[in-house]
PDB file of N, CA and C in Angstrom:
ATOM      1  N   ASN A   1      51.272 241.077 160.673  1.00  0.00           N
ATOM      2  CA  ASN A   1      50.143 241.631 159.941  1.00  0.00           C
ATOM      3  C   ASN A   1      50.585 242.822 159.087  1.00  0.00           C
ATOM      4  N   VAL A   2      51.369 243.720 159.656  1.00  0.00           N
ATOM      5  CA  VAL A   2      51.847 244.891 158.914  1.00  0.00           C
ATOM      6  C   VAL A   2      52.790 244.446 157.804  1.00  0.00           C
ATOM      7  N   LYS A   3      53.687 243.525 158.119  1.00  0.00           N
ATOM      8  CA  LYS A   3      54.629 243.048 157.099  1.00  0.00           C
ATOM      9  C   LYS A   3      53.883 242.373 155.948  1.00  0.00           C
ATOM     10  N   ARG A   4      52.842 241.632 156.264  1.00  0.00           N
ATOM     11  CA  ARG A   4      52.052 240.987 155.213  1.00  0.00           C
ATOM     12  C   ARG A   4      51.405 242.037 154.311  1.00  0.00           C
ATOM     13  N   ARG A   5      50.885 243.081 154.927  1.00  0.00           N
ATOM     14  CA  ARG A   5      50.279 244.164 154.150  1.00  0.00           C
ATOM     15  C   ARG A   5      51.314 244.818 153.237  1.00  0.00           C
ATOM     16  N   LEU A   6      52.507 245.071 153.783  1.00  0.00           N
ATOM     17  CA  LEU A   6      53.546 245.724 152.984  1.00  0.00           C
ATOM     18  C   LEU A   6      54.045 244.829 151.863  1.00  0.00           C
ATOM     19  N   ARG A   7      54.098 243.541 152.093  1.00  0.00           N
ATOM     20  CA  ARG A   7      54.485 242.622 151.010  1.00  0.00           C
ATOM     21  C   ARG A   7      53.444 242.627 149.894  1.00  0.00           C
ATOM     22  N   ARG A   8      52.188 242.739 150.275  1.00  0.00           N
ATOM     23  CA  ARG A   8      51.122 242.818 149.271  1.00  0.00           C
ATOM     24  C   ARG A   8      51.273 244.096 148.459  1.00  0.00           C
ATOM     25  N   VAL A   9      51.560 245.199 149.135  1.00  0.00           N
ATOM     26  CA  VAL A   9      51.781 246.480 148.440  1.00  0.00           C
ATOM     27  C   VAL A   9      52.975 246.351 147.498  1.00  0.00           C
ATOM     28  N   GLU A  10      54.026 245.717 147.982  1.00  0.00           N
ATOM     29  CA  GLU A  10      55.212 245.516 147.148  1.00  0.00           C
ATOM     30  C   GLU A  10      54.846 244.770 145.865  1.00  0.00           C
ATOM     31  N   GLY A  11      54.029 243.749 145.998  1.00  0.00           N
ATOM     32  CA  GLY A  11      53.579 243.004 144.827  1.00  0.00           C
ATOM     33  C   GLY A  11      52.733 243.860 143.895  1.00  0.00           C
ATOM     34  N   GLN A  12      51.911 244.710 144.480  1.00  0.00           N
ATOM     35  CA  GLN A  12      51.100 245.607 143.662  1.00  0.00           C
ATOM     36  C   GLN A  12      51.979 246.579 142.876  1.00  0.00           C
ATOM     37  N   VAL A  13      53.019 247.095 143.511  1.00  0.00           N
ATOM     38  CA  VAL A  13      53.927 248.024 142.833  1.00  0.00           C
ATOM     39  C   VAL A  13      54.627 247.307 141.678  1.00  0.00           C
ATOM     40  N   ARG A  14      55.088 246.093 141.922  1.00  0.00           N
ATOM     41  CA  ARG A  14      55.703 245.324 140.834  1.00  0.00           C
ATOM     42  C   ARG A  14      54.714 245.110 139.690  1.00  0.00           C
ATOM     43  N   GLY A  15      53.463 244.869 140.046  1.00  0.00           N
ATOM     44  CA  GLY A  15      52.433 244.707 139.023  1.00  0.00           C
ATOM     45  C   GLY A  15      52.238 245.967 138.202  1.00  0.00           C
ATOM     46  N   VAL A  16      52.263 247.119 138.840  1.00  0.00           N
ATOM     47  CA  VAL A  16      52.118 248.392 138.127  1.00  0.00           C
ATOM     48  C   VAL A  16      53.310 248.611 137.200  1.00  0.00           C
ATOM     49  N   LEU A  17      54.500 248.320 137.700  1.00  0.00           N
ATOM     50  CA  LEU A  17      55.684 248.456 136.847  1.00  0.00           C
ATOM     51  C   LEU A  17      55.570 247.564 135.612  1.00  0.00           C
ATOM     52  N   ARG A  18      55.091 246.361 135.830  1.00  0.00           N
ATOM     53  CA  ARG A  18      54.909 245.431 134.707  1.00  0.00           C
ATOM     54  C   ARG A  18      53.862 245.982 133.734  1.00  0.00           C
ATOM     55  N   MET A  19      52.781 246.529 134.273  1.00  0.00           N
ATOM     56  CA  MET A  19      51.740 247.109 133.423  1.00  0.00           C
ATOM     57  C   MET A  19      52.310 248.237 132.566  1.00  0.00           C
ATOM     58  N   MET A  20      53.145 249.067 133.172  1.00  0.00           N
ATOM     59  CA  MET A  20      53.727 250.183 132.440  1.00  0.00           C
ATOM     60  C   MET A  20      54.680 249.689 131.356  1.00  0.00           C
ATOM     61  N   GLU A  21      55.471 248.666 131.675  1.00  0.00           N
ATOM     62  CA  GLU A  21      56.388 248.095 130.682  1.00  0.00           C
ATOM     63  C   GLU A  21      55.623 247.502 129.509  1.00  0.00           C
ATOM     64  N   GLU A  22      54.437 246.974 129.786  1.00  0.00           N
ATOM     65  CA  GLU A  22      53.615 246.367 128.742  1.00  0.00           C
ATOM     66  C   GLU A  22      52.751 247.395 128.019  1.00  0.00           C
ATOM     67  N   GLY A  23      52.836 248.664 128.443  1.00  0.00           N
ATOM     68  CA  GLY A  23      52.083 249.721 127.775  1.00  0.00           C
ATOM     69  C   GLY A  23      50.590 249.663 128.041  1.00  0.00           C
ATOM     70  N   LYS A  24      50.215 249.211 129.216  1.00  0.00           N
ATOM     71  CA  LYS A  24      48.787 249.105 129.552  1.00  0.00           C
ATOM     72  C   LYS A  24      48.145 250.484 129.614  1.00  0.00           C
ATOM     73  N   ASN A  25      46.853 250.480 129.571  1.00  0.00           N
ATOM     74  CA  ASN A  25      46.040 251.686 129.572  1.00  0.00           C
ATOM     75  C   ASN A  25      46.319 252.534 130.817  1.00  0.00           C
ATOM     76  N   CYS A  26      46.412 253.830 130.613  1.00  0.00           N
ATOM     77  CA  CYS A  26      46.686 254.791 131.688  1.00  0.00           C
ATOM     78  C   CYS A  26      45.663 254.669 132.818  1.00  0.00           C
ATOM     79  N   LYS A  27      44.401 254.515 132.472  1.00  0.00           N
ATOM     80  CA  LYS A  27      43.357 254.410 133.488  1.00  0.00           C
ATOM     81  C   LYS A  27      43.568 253.183 134.376  1.00  0.00           C
ATOM     82  N   ASP A  28      44.004 252.086 133.789  1.00  0.00           N
ATOM     83  CA  ASP A  28      44.244 250.874 134.565  1.00  0.00           C
ATOM     84  C   ASP A  28      45.425 251.062 135.516  1.00  0.00           C
ATOM     85  N   VAL A  29      46.473 251.719 135.032  1.00  0.00           N
ATOM     86  CA  VAL A  29      47.648 251.978 135.863  1.00  0.00           C
ATOM     87  C   VAL A  29      47.270 252.883 137.026  1.00  0.00           C
ATOM     88  N   VAL A  30      46.547 253.957 136.740  1.00  0.00           N
ATOM     89  CA  VAL A  30      46.141 254.891 137.792  1.00  0.00           C
ATOM     90  C   VAL A  30      45.220 254.204 138.795  1.00  0.00           C
ATOM     91  N   SER A  31      44.361 253.346 138.321  1.00  0.00           N
ATOM     92  CA  SER A  31      43.470 252.601 139.211  1.00  0.00           C
ATOM     93  C   SER A  31      44.268 251.734 140.183  1.00  0.00           C
ATOM     94  N   GLN A  32      45.290 251.068 139.683  1.00  0.00           N
ATOM     95  CA  GLN A  32      46.137 250.242 140.540  1.00  0.00           C
ATOM     96  C   GLN A  32      46.947 251.096 141.513  1.00  0.00           C
ATOM     97  N   LEU A  33      47.427 252.241 141.054  1.00  0.00           N
ATOM     98  CA  LEU A  33      48.154 253.146 141.939  1.00  0.00           C
ATOM     99  C   LEU A  33      47.249 253.650 143.064  1.00  0.00           C
ATOM    100  N   SER A  34      45.997 253.899 142.741  1.00  0.00           N
ATOM    101  CA  SER A  34      45.028 254.321 143.755  1.00  0.00           C
ATOM    102  C   SER A  34      44.825 253.219 144.792  1.00  0.00           C
ATOM    103  N   ALA A  35      44.769 251.980 144.350  1.00  0.00           N
ATOM    104  CA  ALA A  35      44.631 250.850 145.267  1.00  0.00           C
ATOM    105  C   ALA A  35      45.857 250.739 146.170  1.00  0.00           C
ATOM    106  N   ILE A  36      47.031 250.997 145.604  1.00  0.00           N
ATOM    107  CA  ILE A  36      48.270 250.962 146.383  1.00  0.00           C
ATOM    108  C   ILE A  36      48.247 252.055 147.445  1.00  0.00           C
ATOM    109  N   ARG A  37      47.849 253.250 147.056  1.00  0.00           N
ATOM    110  CA  ARG A  37      47.793 254.358 148.012  1.00  0.00           C
ATOM    111  C   ARG A  37      46.835 254.032 149.154  1.00  0.00           C
ATOM    112  N   SER A  38      45.697 253.470 148.822  1.00  0.00           N
ATOM    113  CA  SER A  38      44.728 253.093 149.844  1.00  0.00           C
ATOM    114  C   SER A  38      45.307 252.051 150.801  1.00  0.00           C
ATOM    115  N   ALA A  39      45.999 251.057 150.256  1.00  0.00           N
ATOM    116  CA  ALA A  39      46.603 250.020 151.088  1.00  0.00           C
ATOM    117  C   ALA A  39      47.677 250.591 152.004  1.00  0.00           C
ATOM    118  N   VAL A  40      48.472 251.514 151.489  1.00  0.00           N
ATOM    119  CA  VAL A  40      49.520 252.144 152.300  1.00  0.00           C
ATOM    120  C   VAL A  40      48.878 253.001 153.396  1.00  0.00           C
ATOM    121  N   ASP A  41      47.839 253.754 153.057  1.00  0.00           N
ATOM    122  CA  ASP A  41      47.151 254.582 154.054  1.00  0.00           C
ATOM    123  C   ASP A  41      46.600 253.722 155.189  1.00  0.00           C
ATOM    124  N   LYS A  42      45.990 252.608 154.834  1.00  0.00           N
ATOM    125  CA  LYS A  42      45.429 251.713 155.853  1.00  0.00           C
ATOM    126  C   LYS A  42      46.527 251.103 156.714  1.00  0.00           C
ATOM    127  N   THR A  43      47.651 250.795 156.116  1.00  0.00           N
ATOM    128  CA  THR A  43      48.770 250.238 156.873  1.00  0.00           C
ATOM    129  C   THR A  43      49.320 251.270 157.849  1.00  0.00           C
ATOM    130  N   MET A  44      49.472 252.509 157.392  1.00  0.00           N
ATOM    131  CA  MET A  44      49.945 253.570 158.282  1.00  0.00           C
ATOM    132  C   MET A  44      48.970 253.773 159.434  1.00  0.00           C
ATOM    133  N   ALA A  45      47.690 253.750 159.151  1.00  0.00           N
ATOM    134  CA  ALA A  45      46.686 253.932 160.199  1.00  0.00           C
ATOM    135  C   ALA A  45      46.770 252.805 161.222  1.00  0.00           C
ATOM    136  N   LEU A  46      46.985 251.599 160.753  1.00  0.00           N
ATOM    137  CA  LEU A  46      47.122 250.465 161.666  1.00  0.00           C
ATOM    138  C   LEU A  46      48.337 250.635 162.571  1.00  0.00           C
ATOM    139  N   ILE A  47      49.456 251.025 161.983  1.00  0.00           N
ATOM    140  CA  ILE A  47      50.678 251.220 162.765  1.00  0.00           C
ATOM    141  C   ILE A  47      50.470 252.305 163.817  1.00  0.00           C
ATOM    142  N   VAL A  48      49.882 253.415 163.426  1.00  0.00           N
ATOM    143  CA  VAL A  48      49.643 254.513 164.364  1.00  0.00           C
ATOM    144  C   VAL A  48      48.666 254.070 165.450  1.00  0.00           C
ATOM    145  N   ALA A  49      47.616 253.351 165.090  1.00  0.00           N
ATOM    146  CA  ALA A  49      46.622 252.919 166.072  1.00  0.00           C
ATOM    147  C   ALA A  49      47.228 251.990 167.114  1.00  0.00           C
ATOM    148  N   VAL A  50      48.015 251.026 166.662  1.00  0.00           N
ATOM    149  CA  VAL A  50      48.635 250.083 167.595  1.00  0.00           C
ATOM    150  C   VAL A  50      49.615 250.815 168.510  1.00  0.00           C
ATOM    151  N   ASN A  51      50.417 251.685 167.930  1.00  0.00           N
ATOM    152  CA  ASN A  51      51.371 252.449 168.726  1.00  0.00           C
ATOM    153  C   ASN A  51      50.649 253.363 169.722  1.00  0.00           C
ATOM    154  N   LEU A  52      49.594 253.998 169.266  1.00  0.00           N
ATOM    155  CA  LEU A  52      48.835 254.891 170.132  1.00  0.00           C
ATOM    156  C   LEU A  52      48.245 254.127 171.308  1.00  0.00           C
ATOM    157  N   GLU A  53      47.714 252.970 171.032  1.00  0.00           N
ATOM    158  CA  GLU A  53      47.141 252.154 172.105  1.00  0.00           C
ATOM    159  C   GLU A  53      48.189 251.838 173.174  1.00  0.00           C
ATOM    160  N   GLN A  54      49.375 251.447 172.731  1.00  0.00           N
ATOM    161  CA  GLN A  54      50.454 251.137 173.670  1.00  0.00           C
ATOM    162  C   GLN A  54      50.861 252.377 174.466  1.00  0.00           C
ATOM    163  N   CYS A  55      50.994 253.494 173.772  1.00  0.00           N
ATOM    164  CA  CYS A  55      51.404 254.733 174.443  1.00  0.00           C
ATOM    165  C   CYS A  55      50.359 255.191 175.453  1.00  0.00           C
ATOM    166  N   ILE A  56      49.092 255.048 175.124  1.00  0.00           N
ATOM    167  CA  ILE A  56      48.029 255.452 176.044  1.00  0.00           C
ATOM    168  C   ILE A  56      48.055 254.589 177.296  1.00  0.00           C
ATOM    169  N   LEU A  57      48.219 253.286 177.118  1.00  0.00           N
ATOM    170  CA  LEU A  57      48.284 252.395 178.283  1.00  0.00           C
ATOM    171  C   LEU A  57      49.452 252.770 179.187  1.00  0.00           C
ATOM    172  N   GLU A  58      50.603 253.041 178.590  1.00  0.00           N
ATOM    173  CA  GLU A  58      51.783 253.430 179.377  1.00  0.00           C
ATOM    174  C   GLU A  58      51.553 254.758 180.096  1.00  0.00           C
ATOM    175  N   GLU A  59      50.943 255.706 179.409  1.00  0.00           N
ATOM    176  CA  GLU A  59      50.709 257.026 179.987  1.00  0.00           C
ATOM    177  C   GLU A  59      49.693 256.943 181.132  1.00  0.00           C
ATOM    178  N   LYS A  60      48.669 256.110 180.972  1.00  0.00           N
ATOM    179  CA  LYS A  60      47.675 255.943 182.037  1.00  0.00           C
ATOM    180  C   LYS A  60      48.307 255.331 183.274  1.00  0.00           C
ATOM    181  N   GLU A  61      49.238 254.407 183.078  1.00  0.00           N
ATOM    182  CA  GLU A  61      49.925 253.798 184.210  1.00  0.00           C
ATOM    183  C   GLU A  61      50.708 254.847 185.005  1.00  0.00           C
ATOM    184  N   LYS A  62      51.229 255.832 184.289  1.00  0.00           N
ATOM    185  CA  LYS A  62      51.985 256.919 184.930  1.00  0.00           C
ATOM    186  C   LYS A  62      51.056 257.966 185.538  1.00  0.00           C
ATOM    187  N   GLY A  63      49.769 257.883 185.193  1.00  0.00           N
ATOM    188  CA  GLY A  63      48.815 258.883 185.670  1.00  0.00           C
ATOM    189  C   GLY A  63      48.837 260.154 184.848  1.00  0.00           C
ATOM    190  N   GLY A  64      49.394 260.064 183.642  1.00  0.00           N
ATOM    191  CA  GLY A  64      49.528 261.245 182.781  1.00  0.00           C
ATOM    192  C   GLY A  64      48.312 261.512 181.924  1.00  0.00           C
ATOM    193  N   ASP A  65      48.393 262.598 181.182  1.00  0.00           N
ATOM    194  CA  ASP A  65      47.323 263.028 180.285  1.00  0.00           C
ATOM    195  C   ASP A  65      47.529 262.405 178.906  1.00  0.00           C
ATOM    196  N   THR A  66      46.524 261.741 178.404  1.00  0.00           N
ATOM    197  CA  THR A  66      46.643 261.051 177.110  1.00  0.00           C
ATOM    198  C   THR A  66      46.184 261.914 175.938  1.00  0.00           C
ATOM    199  N   ASN A  67      45.598 263.067 176.203  1.00  0.00           N
ATOM    200  CA  ASN A  67      45.092 263.915 175.122  1.00  0.00           C
ATOM    201  C   ASN A  67      46.193 264.310 174.141  1.00  0.00           C
ATOM    202  N   LYS A  68      47.366 264.624 174.660  1.00  0.00           N
ATOM    203  CA  LYS A  68      48.479 265.032 173.799  1.00  0.00           C
ATOM    204  C   LYS A  68      48.882 263.890 172.868  1.00  0.00           C
ATOM    205  N   LEU A  69      48.862 262.669 173.373  1.00  0.00           N
ATOM    206  CA  LEU A  69      49.225 261.519 172.548  1.00  0.00           C
ATOM    207  C   LEU A  69      48.256 261.340 171.381  1.00  0.00           C
ATOM    208  N   VAL A  70      46.988 261.510 171.676  1.00  0.00           N
ATOM    209  CA  VAL A  70      45.969 261.377 170.631  1.00  0.00           C
ATOM    210  C   VAL A  70      46.152 262.470 169.585  1.00  0.00           C
ATOM    211  N   GLN A  71      46.370 263.683 170.033  1.00  0.00           N
ATOM    212  CA  GLN A  71      46.581 264.804 169.107  1.00  0.00           C
ATOM    213  C   GLN A  71      47.795 264.568 168.222  1.00  0.00           C
ATOM    214  N   GLU A  72      48.887 264.068 168.804  1.00  0.00           N
ATOM    215  CA  GLU A  72      50.096 263.782 168.016  1.00  0.00           C
ATOM    216  C   GLU A  72      49.829 262.709 166.969  1.00  0.00           C
ATOM    217  N   ALA A  73      49.058 261.701 167.333  1.00  0.00           N
ATOM    218  CA  ALA A  73      48.737 260.631 166.381  1.00  0.00           C
ATOM    219  C   ALA A  73      47.907 261.170 165.222  1.00  0.00           C
ATOM    220  N   VAL A  74      46.940 262.009 165.539  1.00  0.00           N
ATOM    221  CA  VAL A  74      46.099 262.601 164.492  1.00  0.00           C
ATOM    222  C   VAL A  74      46.954 263.469 163.566  1.00  0.00           C
ATOM    223  N   GLU A  75      47.831 264.274 164.140  1.00  0.00           N
ATOM    224  CA  GLU A  75      48.698 265.132 163.330  1.00  0.00           C
ATOM    225  C   GLU A  75      49.626 264.300 162.430  1.00  0.00           C
ATOM    226  N   LEU A  76      50.106 263.204 162.964  1.00  0.00           N
ATOM    227  CA  LEU A  76      50.968 262.326 162.177  1.00  0.00           C
ATOM    228  C   LEU A  76      50.235 261.777 160.961  1.00  0.00           C
ATOM    229  N   LEU A  77      49.001 261.352 161.166  1.00  0.00           N
ATOM    230  CA  LEU A  77      48.212 260.839 160.048  1.00  0.00           C
ATOM    231  C   LEU A  77      47.887 261.930 159.034  1.00  0.00           C
ATOM    232  N   ILE A  78      47.586 263.118 159.523  1.00  0.00           N
ATOM    233  CA  ILE A  78      47.281 264.225 158.620  1.00  0.00           C
ATOM    234  C   ILE A  78      48.499 264.596 157.789  1.00  0.00           C
ATOM    235  N   LYS A  79      49.669 264.657 158.447  1.00  0.00           N
ATOM    236  CA  LYS A  79      50.903 264.997 157.727  1.00  0.00           C
ATOM    237  C   LYS A  79      51.247 263.965 156.668  1.00  0.00           C
ATOM    238  N   SER A  80      50.938 262.718 156.941  1.00  0.00           N
ATOM    239  CA  SER A  80      51.302 261.653 156.010  1.00  0.00           C
ATOM    240  C   SER A  80      50.484 261.714 154.732  1.00  0.00           C
ATOM    241  N   ARG A  81      49.445 262.460 154.744  1.00  0.00           N
ATOM    242  CA  ARG A  81      48.560 262.555 153.579  1.00  0.00           C
ATOM    243  C   ARG A  81      49.007 263.717 152.763  1.00  0.00           C
TER     244      ARG A  81
END
């Protein structure tokens, strides 16, 4: 699922490069770049969510505190922006 998302982003980037080579309108290029950023943000969130879920399950099995894991995940997402 993540790889499929990244391949789609890759195609979008190639499309933007093609648009720039063809001298397309700045607004259209920026619009596509915004779509790419949104797709990348959603992909990062998915990766963090899946990883967080796994880490929480492992930590609960150990009887540990999961609050730190959640905080680290939130900080990671904030830093990525």
